[in-house]
């Protein structure tokens, strides 16, 4: 049996993008900037949400080697919000 080495990644929240932004469009924008995208998932409001989202938000995972480029302001549209993804351990 052979194991496949794990590629170090970082996970981030990306928000305040135009509501019509798609996973494909965001992934392509990042790839064109040279960021190696592992996963990009558009977040959805919870069914019992008390308000309507007016902007799009995403979970984005990229190769750790792309971290500096990913957090470079110049590749993002003005007003975009980026922050590290917070994982909550529930046991």
Protein backbone atom coordinates (compact mmCIF):
# COMPACT_ATOMS: atom_id res chain seq x y z
CA UNK A 1 0.00 0.00 0.00
CA UNK A 2 1.19 3.53 -0.74
CA UNK A 3 0.14 6.80 0.86
CA UNK A 4 -0.13 10.08 -1.00
CA UNK A 5 1.73 12.98 0.62
CA UNK A 6 -0.51 15.75 1.91
CA UNK A 7 -0.05 19.20 0.40
CA UNK A 8 0.01 21.85 3.17
CA UNK A 9 -2.97 24.18 2.78
CA UNK A 10 -4.50 27.25 4.36
CA UNK A 11 -8.22 27.81 4.77
CA UNK A 12 -9.83 31.22 4.57
CA UNK A 13 -13.14 33.05 4.58
CA UNK A 14 -13.63 35.39 1.62
CA UNK A 15 -16.60 37.72 1.79
CA UNK A 16 -18.19 40.98 0.65
CA UNK A 17 -18.03 39.94 -3.01
CA UNK A 18 -20.79 40.65 -5.51
CA UNK A 19 -23.77 38.37 -4.81
CA UNK A 20 -23.53 36.91 -8.33
CA UNK A 21 -19.90 35.78 -7.92
CA UNK A 22 -19.57 32.05 -8.62
CA UNK A 23 -17.14 29.45 -7.31
CA UNK A 24 -15.74 29.11 -10.83
CA UNK A 25 -15.22 32.85 -11.27
CA UNK A 26 -13.43 33.21 -7.92
CA UNK A 27 -11.26 30.14 -8.56
CA UNK A 28 -10.31 31.41 -12.02
CA UNK A 29 -9.47 34.89 -10.66
CA UNK A 30 -7.15 33.36 -8.06
CA UNK A 31 -5.54 30.96 -10.53
CA UNK A 32 -4.89 33.81 -12.99
CA UNK A 33 -3.12 35.65 -10.14
CA UNK A 34 -0.94 32.56 -9.59
CA UNK A 35 -2.67 31.20 -6.48
CA UNK A 36 -2.94 27.40 -6.37
CA UNK A 37 -6.57 26.79 -5.37
CA UNK A 38 -7.44 23.51 -3.66
CA UNK A 39 -11.12 24.16 -2.99
CA UNK A 40 -13.63 26.99 -3.35
CA UNK A 41 -17.15 26.67 -1.95
CA UNK A 42 -19.82 29.37 -1.97
CA UNK A 43 -21.46 29.66 1.45
CA UNK A 44 -25.23 29.63 1.82
CA UNK A 45 -27.39 31.31 4.43
CA UNK A 46 -28.92 28.98 7.01
CA UNK A 47 -32.57 28.13 6.29
CA UNK A 48 -33.67 29.94 9.46
CA UNK A 49 -31.59 33.08 8.79
CA UNK A 50 -33.33 36.28 9.84
CA UNK A 51 -31.89 38.34 7.01
CA UNK A 52 -31.09 38.05 3.29
CA UNK A 53 -27.45 38.04 2.22
CA UNK A 54 -26.59 40.96 -0.03
CA UNK A 55 -23.03 39.80 -0.76
CA UNK A 56 -21.38 36.48 -1.57
CA UNK A 57 -19.12 34.62 0.86
CA UNK A 58 -16.83 31.65 0.26
CA UNK A 59 -14.74 29.01 1.98
CA UNK A 60 -11.44 28.95 0.08
CA UNK A 61 -8.56 26.53 0.57
CA UNK A 62 -5.25 27.16 -1.20
CA UNK A 63 -1.80 25.62 -1.14
CA UNK A 64 0.26 27.04 1.74
CA UNK A 65 2.96 28.00 -0.79
CA UNK A 66 0.46 30.54 -2.23
CA UNK A 67 -0.22 32.21 1.15
CA UNK A 68 1.70 35.46 0.52
CA UNK A 69 0.11 35.93 -2.89
CA UNK A 70 -3.36 35.01 -1.59
CA UNK A 71 -3.16 37.74 1.08
CA UNK A 72 -1.85 40.38 -1.36
CA UNK A 73 -4.41 43.22 -1.51
CA UNK A 74 -3.78 43.98 -5.18
CA UNK A 75 -5.32 40.70 -6.43
CA UNK A 76 -8.66 41.37 -4.68
CA UNK A 77 -11.46 43.75 -5.62
CA UNK A 78 -11.74 46.75 -3.31
CA UNK A 79 -13.86 45.95 -0.26
CA UNK A 80 -13.28 42.18 -0.31
CA UNK A 81 -12.92 40.65 3.15
CA UNK A 82 -10.35 37.94 3.85
CA UNK A 83 -9.62 36.20 7.11
CA UNK A 84 -8.37 32.85 8.31
CA UNK A 85 -11.07 30.21 8.55
CA UNK A 86 -12.06 29.38 12.11
CA UNK A 87 -12.51 25.68 12.76
CA UNK A 88 -14.61 24.79 15.79
CA UNK A 89 -13.86 21.46 17.46
CA UNK A 90 -17.02 19.88 18.77
CA UNK A 91 -16.73 16.67 20.69
